[in-house]
């Protein structure tokens, strides 16, 4: 059935596919989204079992780098663990590197933007670290703190 007024109504009420819900939330409440990104619940619980407390400092990244990679034994959990590792890396950078802040790309991917304008794809770095051990999280932080 062809109902012309419905076509024009749908065009006005369809969500903009270029913006993700995270982008919209970030636009409304960047501090709230930053707090949400810093939770990293899976990472925090797994490393707490190993006796490591994540206190959002660069030293905690070094402790993470030294952990035996037991998370690689669970292929279902591995990407989630890596995602959390990247978000935690971003949290440490934002809280410790002057001028660093969260930025959300239109597709919804969170990155850290440094005062210099350089963007660090922290989730990608966290996934690489979780899967292969490189680059080390503390190394990514050290490079970010130089800018």
N, C-alpha and C. Protein backbone atom coordinates (compact mmCIF):
# COMPACT_ATOMS: atom_id res chain seq x y z
N UNK A 1 0.85 -1.16 0.00
CA UNK A 1 0.00 0.00 0.00
C UNK A 1 0.90 1.23 0.00
N UNK A 2 0.60 2.17 -0.82
CA UNK A 2 1.38 3.40 -0.95
C UNK A 2 0.64 4.54 -0.27
N UNK A 3 1.20 5.04 0.82
CA UNK A 3 0.60 6.16 1.53
C UNK A 3 1.64 7.27 1.56
N UNK A 4 1.52 8.28 0.67
CA UNK A 4 2.56 9.29 0.50
C UNK A 4 2.93 10.05 1.78
N UNK A 5 1.95 10.40 2.60
CA UNK A 5 2.30 11.19 3.78
C UNK A 5 3.15 10.39 4.76
N UNK A 6 3.02 9.05 4.76
CA UNK A 6 3.83 8.22 5.65
C UNK A 6 5.30 8.26 5.25
N UNK A 7 5.56 8.28 3.94
CA UNK A 7 6.95 8.36 3.49
C UNK A 7 7.64 9.61 3.99
N UNK A 8 6.97 10.73 3.90
CA UNK A 8 7.60 11.97 4.37
C UNK A 8 7.70 12.00 5.89
N UNK A 9 6.73 11.40 6.60
CA UNK A 9 6.80 11.34 8.06
C UNK A 9 7.99 10.48 8.48
N UNK A 10 8.19 9.33 7.82
CA UNK A 10 9.30 8.44 8.16
C UNK A 10 10.64 9.12 7.97
N UNK A 11 10.78 9.88 6.90
CA UNK A 11 12.04 10.57 6.64
C UNK A 11 12.37 11.56 7.75
N UNK A 12 11.35 12.20 8.30
CA UNK A 12 11.59 13.18 9.37
C UNK A 12 11.85 12.50 10.71
N UNK A 13 11.39 11.29 10.91
CA UNK A 13 11.48 10.66 12.22
C UNK A 13 12.46 9.50 12.29
N UNK A 14 13.16 9.20 11.21
CA UNK A 14 14.17 8.15 11.27
C UNK A 14 15.41 8.70 11.95
N UNK A 15 16.05 7.89 12.78
CA UNK A 15 17.27 8.37 13.44
C UNK A 15 18.37 8.58 12.41
N UNK A 16 19.22 9.55 12.68
CA UNK A 16 20.36 9.83 11.82
C UNK A 16 21.35 8.69 11.98
N UNK A 17 21.58 7.95 10.91
CA UNK A 17 22.44 6.77 10.99
C UNK A 17 23.91 7.13 11.24
N UNK A 18 24.27 8.40 11.03
CA UNK A 18 25.67 8.77 11.25
C UNK A 18 26.00 8.97 12.72
N UNK A 19 24.99 9.14 13.54
CA UNK A 19 25.23 9.34 14.97
C UNK A 19 24.81 8.11 15.76
N UNK A 20 25.70 7.65 16.58
CA UNK A 20 25.38 6.51 17.44
C UNK A 20 24.78 7.03 18.74
N UNK A 21 24.16 6.16 19.52
CA UNK A 21 23.65 6.58 20.82
C UNK A 21 24.75 7.13 21.72
N UNK A 22 25.97 6.59 21.60
CA UNK A 22 27.08 7.08 22.41
C UNK A 22 27.44 8.52 22.04
N UNK A 23 27.38 8.83 20.75
CA UNK A 23 27.67 10.20 20.31
C UNK A 23 26.63 11.16 20.91
N UNK A 24 25.37 10.78 20.84
CA UNK A 24 24.30 11.64 21.37
C UNK A 24 24.47 11.81 22.88
N UNK A 25 24.78 10.73 23.58
CA UNK A 25 24.98 10.82 25.03
C UNK A 25 26.19 11.69 25.35
N UNK A 26 27.26 11.54 24.58
CA UNK A 26 28.48 12.34 24.80
C UNK A 26 28.20 13.82 24.58
N UNK A 27 27.39 14.14 23.57
CA UNK A 27 27.04 15.54 23.31
C UNK A 27 26.26 16.14 24.48
N UNK A 28 25.39 15.33 25.09
CA UNK A 28 24.57 15.81 26.21
C UNK A 28 25.34 15.87 27.52
N UNK A 29 26.18 14.86 27.77
CA UNK A 29 26.83 14.74 29.08
C UNK A 29 28.22 14.11 28.95
N UNK A 30 29.21 14.89 28.48
CA UNK A 30 30.54 14.30 28.28
C UNK A 30 31.15 13.74 29.56
N UNK A 31 30.93 14.38 30.69
CA UNK A 31 31.50 13.88 31.95
C UNK A 31 30.85 12.56 32.37
N UNK A 32 29.56 12.45 32.15
CA UNK A 32 28.85 11.21 32.47
C UNK A 32 29.33 10.06 31.60
N UNK A 33 29.54 10.33 30.32
CA UNK A 33 30.04 9.30 29.42
C UNK A 33 31.47 8.92 29.80
N UNK A 34 32.29 9.90 30.16
CA UNK A 34 33.66 9.60 30.59
C UNK A 34 33.64 8.69 31.82
N UNK A 35 32.71 8.95 32.72
CA UNK A 35 32.59 8.11 33.92
C UNK A 35 32.16 6.69 33.53
N UNK A 36 31.24 6.59 32.59
CA UNK A 36 30.79 5.29 32.10
C UNK A 36 31.93 4.53 31.44
N UNK A 37 32.71 5.22 30.61
CA UNK A 37 33.83 4.58 29.93
C UNK A 37 34.89 4.10 30.91
N UNK A 38 34.99 4.73 32.06
CA UNK A 38 36.03 4.37 33.03
C UNK A 38 35.67 3.17 33.90
N UNK A 39 34.45 2.67 33.79
CA UNK A 39 34.05 1.56 34.66
C UNK A 39 34.87 0.30 34.43
N UNK A 40 34.98 -0.14 33.19
CA UNK A 40 35.82 -1.30 32.83
C UNK A 40 35.63 -2.47 33.80
N UNK A 41 34.39 -2.81 34.04
CA UNK A 41 34.05 -3.78 35.09
C UNK A 41 34.71 -5.14 34.91
N UNK A 42 34.71 -5.67 33.71
CA UNK A 42 35.31 -6.99 33.48
C UNK A 42 36.81 -6.95 33.79
N UNK A 43 37.49 -5.96 33.25
CA UNK A 43 38.93 -5.84 33.49
C UNK A 43 39.22 -5.71 34.98
N UNK A 44 38.50 -4.82 35.65
CA UNK A 44 38.74 -4.59 37.07
C UNK A 44 38.52 -5.86 37.89
N UNK A 45 37.46 -6.60 37.58
CA UNK A 45 37.20 -7.82 38.37
C UNK A 45 38.24 -8.90 38.10
N UNK A 46 38.65 -9.07 36.85
CA UNK A 46 39.63 -10.11 36.52
C UNK A 46 41.00 -9.81 37.12
N UNK A 47 41.44 -8.58 37.06
CA UNK A 47 42.77 -8.28 37.59
C UNK A 47 42.75 -8.20 39.12
N UNK A 48 41.60 -7.90 39.70
CA UNK A 48 41.50 -7.94 41.16
C UNK A 48 41.71 -9.37 41.66
N UNK A 49 41.23 -10.34 40.88
CA UNK A 49 41.45 -11.75 41.23
C UNK A 49 42.95 -12.08 41.25
N UNK A 50 43.72 -11.34 40.45
CA UNK A 50 45.17 -11.54 40.40
C UNK A 50 45.91 -10.66 41.41
N UNK A 51 45.15 -9.91 42.21
CA UNK A 51 45.75 -9.08 43.23
C UNK A 51 46.18 -7.69 42.77
N UNK A 52 45.72 -7.27 41.62
CA UNK A 52 46.09 -5.95 41.10
C UNK A 52 44.91 -5.00 41.28
N UNK A 53 45.18 -3.87 41.91
CA UNK A 53 44.15 -2.83 42.09
C UNK A 53 44.37 -1.75 41.04
N UNK A 54 43.33 -1.47 40.28
CA UNK A 54 43.43 -0.43 39.26
C UNK A 54 43.01 0.90 39.87
N UNK A 55 44.00 1.78 40.03
CA UNK A 55 43.75 3.07 40.69
C UNK A 55 43.83 4.26 39.72
N UNK A 56 43.72 3.98 38.43
CA UNK A 56 43.72 5.02 37.39
C UNK A 56 45.03 5.80 37.32
N UNK A 57 46.13 5.15 37.66
CA UNK A 57 47.44 5.79 37.58
C UNK A 57 48.31 5.08 36.54
N UNK A 58 49.33 5.76 36.04
CA UNK A 58 50.23 5.11 35.09
C UNK A 58 50.89 3.85 35.65
N UNK A 59 51.15 3.82 36.93
CA UNK A 59 51.75 2.63 37.54
C UNK A 59 50.87 1.40 37.40
N UNK A 60 49.57 1.59 37.43
CA UNK A 60 48.67 0.44 37.30
C UNK A 60 48.75 -0.15 35.89
N UNK A 61 49.08 0.68 34.90
CA UNK A 61 49.26 0.16 33.54
C UNK A 61 50.48 -0.77 33.49
N UNK A 62 51.53 -0.40 34.21
CA UNK A 62 52.71 -1.26 34.26
C UNK A 62 52.38 -2.59 34.93
N UNK A 63 51.55 -2.53 35.97
CA UNK A 63 51.15 -3.78 36.64
C UNK A 63 50.34 -4.66 35.69
N UNK A 64 49.45 -4.05 34.91
CA UNK A 64 48.67 -4.81 33.93
C UNK A 64 49.58 -5.49 32.91
N UNK A 65 50.59 -4.74 32.45
CA UNK A 65 51.52 -5.29 31.47
C UNK A 65 52.26 -6.52 31.99
N UNK A 66 52.42 -6.62 33.30
CA UNK A 66 53.17 -7.72 33.90
C UNK A 66 52.33 -8.96 34.19
N UNK A 67 51.02 -8.86 34.05
CA UNK A 67 50.15 -10.00 34.35
C UNK A 67 50.30 -11.12 33.32
N UNK A 68 50.26 -12.37 33.76
CA UNK A 68 50.22 -13.48 32.80
C UNK A 68 48.91 -13.38 32.01
N UNK A 69 48.94 -13.55 30.71
CA UNK A 69 47.74 -13.33 29.88
C UNK A 69 46.73 -14.48 29.92
N UNK A 70 46.22 -14.77 31.08
CA UNK A 70 45.25 -15.87 31.23
C UNK A 70 43.95 -15.61 30.49
N UNK A 71 43.65 -14.34 30.22
CA UNK A 71 42.41 -13.98 29.51
C UNK A 71 42.41 -14.53 28.09
N UNK A 72 43.56 -14.86 27.57
CA UNK A 72 43.63 -15.41 26.20
C UNK A 72 43.07 -16.83 26.13
N UNK A 73 42.88 -17.47 27.28
CA UNK A 73 42.33 -18.83 27.32
C UNK A 73 40.84 -18.86 27.03
N UNK A 74 40.17 -17.72 27.07
CA UNK A 74 38.73 -17.66 26.84
C UNK A 74 38.46 -16.80 25.61
N UNK A 75 38.30 -17.42 24.43
CA UNK A 75 38.13 -16.64 23.21
C UNK A 75 36.86 -15.79 23.18
N UNK A 76 35.86 -16.16 23.96
CA UNK A 76 34.64 -15.35 24.02
C UNK A 76 34.85 -14.09 24.85
N UNK A 77 35.63 -14.19 25.89
CA UNK A 77 35.86 -13.06 26.79
C UNK A 77 36.98 -12.14 26.30
N UNK A 78 37.87 -12.67 25.50
CA UNK A 78 39.06 -11.93 25.06
C UNK A 78 38.73 -10.56 24.46
N UNK A 79 37.80 -10.44 23.50
CA UNK A 79 37.54 -9.10 22.94
C UNK A 79 36.96 -8.13 23.96
N UNK A 80 36.16 -8.63 24.88
CA UNK A 80 35.58 -7.76 25.91
C UNK A 80 36.66 -7.28 26.87
N UNK A 81 37.56 -8.19 27.20
CA UNK A 81 38.67 -7.86 28.08
C UNK A 81 39.56 -6.81 27.42
N UNK A 82 39.86 -7.01 26.14
CA UNK A 82 40.68 -6.05 25.39
C UNK A 82 40.00 -4.70 25.27
N UNK A 83 38.70 -4.70 25.06
CA UNK A 83 37.94 -3.45 24.99
C UNK A 83 38.06 -2.70 26.31
N UNK A 84 37.86 -3.42 27.41
CA UNK A 84 37.99 -2.79 28.73
C UNK A 84 39.41 -2.29 28.98
N UNK A 85 40.40 -3.05 28.54
CA UNK A 85 41.79 -2.62 28.71
C UNK A 85 42.02 -1.30 27.98
N UNK A 86 41.47 -1.18 26.78
CA UNK A 86 41.60 0.07 26.03
C UNK A 86 40.88 1.23 26.70
N UNK A 87 39.69 0.97 27.21
CA UNK A 87 38.96 2.04 27.90
C UNK A 87 39.69 2.44 29.19
N UNK A 88 40.29 1.46 29.87
CA UNK A 88 41.05 1.79 31.06
C UNK A 88 42.29 2.61 30.70
N UNK A 89 42.97 2.23 29.64
CA UNK A 89 44.11 3.00 29.15
C UNK A 89 43.69 4.45 28.88
N UNK A 90 42.56 4.61 28.20
CA UNK A 90 42.05 5.95 27.92
C UNK A 90 41.74 6.72 29.19
N UNK A 91 41.17 6.04 30.15
CA UNK A 91 40.85 6.68 31.43
C UNK A 91 42.12 7.18 32.12
N UNK A 92 43.16 6.36 32.13
CA UNK A 92 44.42 6.76 32.76
C UNK A 92 45.01 7.97 32.02
N UNK A 93 44.97 7.95 30.71
CA UNK A 93 45.50 9.08 29.93
C UNK A 93 44.71 10.35 30.23
N UNK A 94 43.38 10.26 30.17
CA UNK A 94 42.54 11.44 30.40
C UNK A 94 42.75 12.01 31.80
N UNK A 95 42.92 11.14 32.78
CA UNK A 95 43.05 11.61 34.17
C UNK A 95 44.45 12.07 34.53
N UNK A 96 45.45 11.74 33.70
CA UNK A 96 46.83 12.06 34.09
C UNK A 96 47.62 12.89 33.09
N UNK A 97 47.17 13.00 31.87
CA UNK A 97 47.89 13.78 30.86
C UNK A 97 47.15 15.11 30.69
N UNK A 98 47.80 16.23 30.99
CA UNK A 98 47.14 17.53 30.88
C UNK A 98 46.58 17.77 29.46
N UNK A 99 45.34 18.19 29.40
CA UNK A 99 44.71 18.53 28.13
C UNK A 99 44.10 17.35 27.40
N UNK A 100 44.31 16.12 27.87
CA UNK A 100 43.72 14.95 27.22
C UNK A 100 42.25 14.87 27.58
N UNK A 101 41.45 14.44 26.59
CA UNK A 101 40.01 14.31 26.84
C UNK A 101 39.44 13.24 25.93
N UNK A 102 38.29 12.72 26.34
CA UNK A 102 37.59 11.75 25.51
C UNK A 102 36.95 12.45 24.32
N UNK A 103 36.91 11.76 23.22
CA UNK A 103 36.21 12.21 22.02
C UNK A 103 35.50 10.98 21.46
N UNK A 104 34.29 11.17 20.95
CA UNK A 104 33.57 10.06 20.35
C UNK A 104 33.39 10.35 18.87
N UNK A 105 33.86 9.44 18.05
CA UNK A 105 33.71 9.58 16.60
C UNK A 105 32.25 9.41 16.21
N UNK A 106 31.84 9.95 15.08
CA UNK A 106 30.43 9.85 14.65
C UNK A 106 29.90 8.43 14.62
N UNK A 107 30.73 7.46 14.31
CA UNK A 107 30.28 6.07 14.31
C UNK A 107 30.15 5.48 15.70
N UNK A 108 30.59 6.20 16.72
CA UNK A 108 30.44 5.76 18.09
C UNK A 108 31.70 5.27 18.77
N UNK A 109 32.83 5.29 18.08
CA UNK A 109 34.07 4.80 18.68
C UNK A 109 34.73 5.84 19.56
N UNK A 110 34.99 5.51 20.85
CA UNK A 110 35.67 6.45 21.73
C UNK A 110 37.17 6.47 21.47
N UNK A 111 37.73 7.65 21.42
CA UNK A 111 39.17 7.85 21.29
C UNK A 111 39.58 8.89 22.31
N UNK A 112 40.88 9.01 22.55
CA UNK A 112 41.39 10.06 23.43
C UNK A 112 42.08 11.09 22.54
N UNK A 113 41.68 12.33 22.71
CA UNK A 113 42.30 13.43 21.97
C UNK A 113 43.23 14.17 22.93
N UNK A 114 44.49 14.27 22.51
CA UNK A 114 45.49 14.98 23.31
C UNK A 114 45.42 16.48 23.03
N UNK A 115 46.03 17.27 23.88
CA UNK A 115 46.03 18.73 23.70
C UNK A 115 46.65 19.12 22.35
N UNK A 116 47.55 18.30 21.85
CA UNK A 116 48.20 18.57 20.56
C UNK A 116 47.26 18.33 19.38
N UNK A 117 46.12 17.67 19.62
CA UNK A 117 45.19 17.33 18.56
C UNK A 117 45.32 15.88 18.11
N UNK A 118 46.38 15.22 18.52
CA UNK A 118 46.58 13.81 18.17
C UNK A 118 45.49 12.96 18.84
N UNK A 119 44.97 12.00 18.09
CA UNK A 119 43.97 11.10 18.63
C UNK A 119 44.59 9.72 18.83
N UNK A 120 44.29 9.13 19.96
CA UNK A 120 44.79 7.78 20.27
C UNK A 120 43.60 6.84 20.28
N UNK A 121 43.68 5.83 19.46
CA UNK A 121 42.62 4.82 19.39
C UNK A 121 42.87 3.80 20.51
N UNK A 122 42.42 4.16 21.69
CA UNK A 122 42.74 3.37 22.88
C UNK A 122 42.10 1.98 22.86
N UNK A 123 40.89 1.87 22.33
CA UNK A 123 40.24 0.55 22.30
C UNK A 123 41.03 -0.39 21.39
N UNK A 124 41.46 0.11 20.26
CA UNK A 124 42.29 -0.70 19.36
C UNK A 124 43.59 -1.12 20.04
N UNK A 125 44.22 -0.20 20.76
CA UNK A 125 45.46 -0.52 21.48
C UNK A 125 45.19 -1.57 22.55
N UNK A 126 44.07 -1.45 23.25
CA UNK A 126 43.72 -2.43 24.28
C UNK A 126 43.47 -3.81 23.71
N UNK A 127 42.80 -3.86 22.57
CA UNK A 127 42.56 -5.15 21.92
C UNK A 127 43.87 -5.80 21.46
N UNK A 128 44.74 -4.99 20.86
CA UNK A 128 46.05 -5.51 20.43
C UNK A 128 46.83 -6.04 21.62
N UNK A 129 46.81 -5.29 22.70
CA UNK A 129 47.53 -5.70 23.91
C UNK A 129 46.96 -7.02 24.46
N UNK A 130 45.64 -7.10 24.52
CA UNK A 130 45.02 -8.31 25.08
C UNK A 130 45.31 -9.54 24.22
N UNK A 131 45.37 -9.35 22.91
CA UNK A 131 45.58 -10.50 22.02
C UNK A 131 47.05 -10.89 21.87
N UNK A 132 47.94 -9.88 21.83
CA UNK A 132 49.35 -10.19 21.52
C UNK A 132 50.34 -9.71 22.57
N UNK A 133 49.91 -8.82 23.46
CA UNK A 133 50.83 -8.28 24.45
C UNK A 133 51.55 -7.02 23.99
N UNK A 134 51.30 -6.61 22.77
CA UNK A 134 51.98 -5.43 22.23
C UNK A 134 50.98 -4.56 21.47
N UNK A 135 51.09 -3.26 21.56
CA UNK A 135 52.05 -2.54 22.40
C UNK A 135 51.63 -2.62 23.86
N UNK A 136 52.61 -2.51 24.74
CA UNK A 136 52.28 -2.51 26.17
C UNK A 136 51.48 -1.25 26.49
N UNK A 137 50.54 -1.39 27.41
CA UNK A 137 49.70 -0.26 27.78
C UNK A 137 50.52 0.89 28.34
N UNK A 138 51.53 0.56 29.14
CA UNK A 138 52.37 1.62 29.72
C UNK A 138 53.16 2.35 28.64
N UNK A 139 53.50 1.66 27.57
CA UNK A 139 54.21 2.29 26.45
C UNK A 139 53.30 3.28 25.72
N UNK A 140 52.04 2.90 25.50
CA UNK A 140 51.09 3.81 24.85
C UNK A 140 50.90 5.05 25.72
N UNK A 141 50.79 4.83 27.03
CA UNK A 141 50.65 5.96 27.95
C UNK A 141 51.88 6.87 27.87
N UNK A 142 53.07 6.28 27.90
CA UNK A 142 54.31 7.08 27.86
C UNK A 142 54.37 7.93 26.59
N UNK A 143 53.97 7.36 25.47
CA UNK A 143 53.97 8.13 24.23
C UNK A 143 52.94 9.26 24.28
N UNK A 144 51.78 9.00 24.88
CA UNK A 144 50.75 10.02 24.99
C UNK A 144 51.19 11.16 25.91
N UNK A 145 51.92 10.82 26.96
CA UNK A 145 52.32 11.85 27.92
C UNK A 145 53.41 12.76 27.37
N UNK A 146 54.06 12.35 26.27
CA UNK A 146 55.11 13.18 25.67
C UNK A 146 54.54 14.31 24.84
N UNK A 147 53.28 14.21 24.42
CA UNK A 147 52.69 15.22 23.54
C UNK A 147 52.12 16.37 24.31
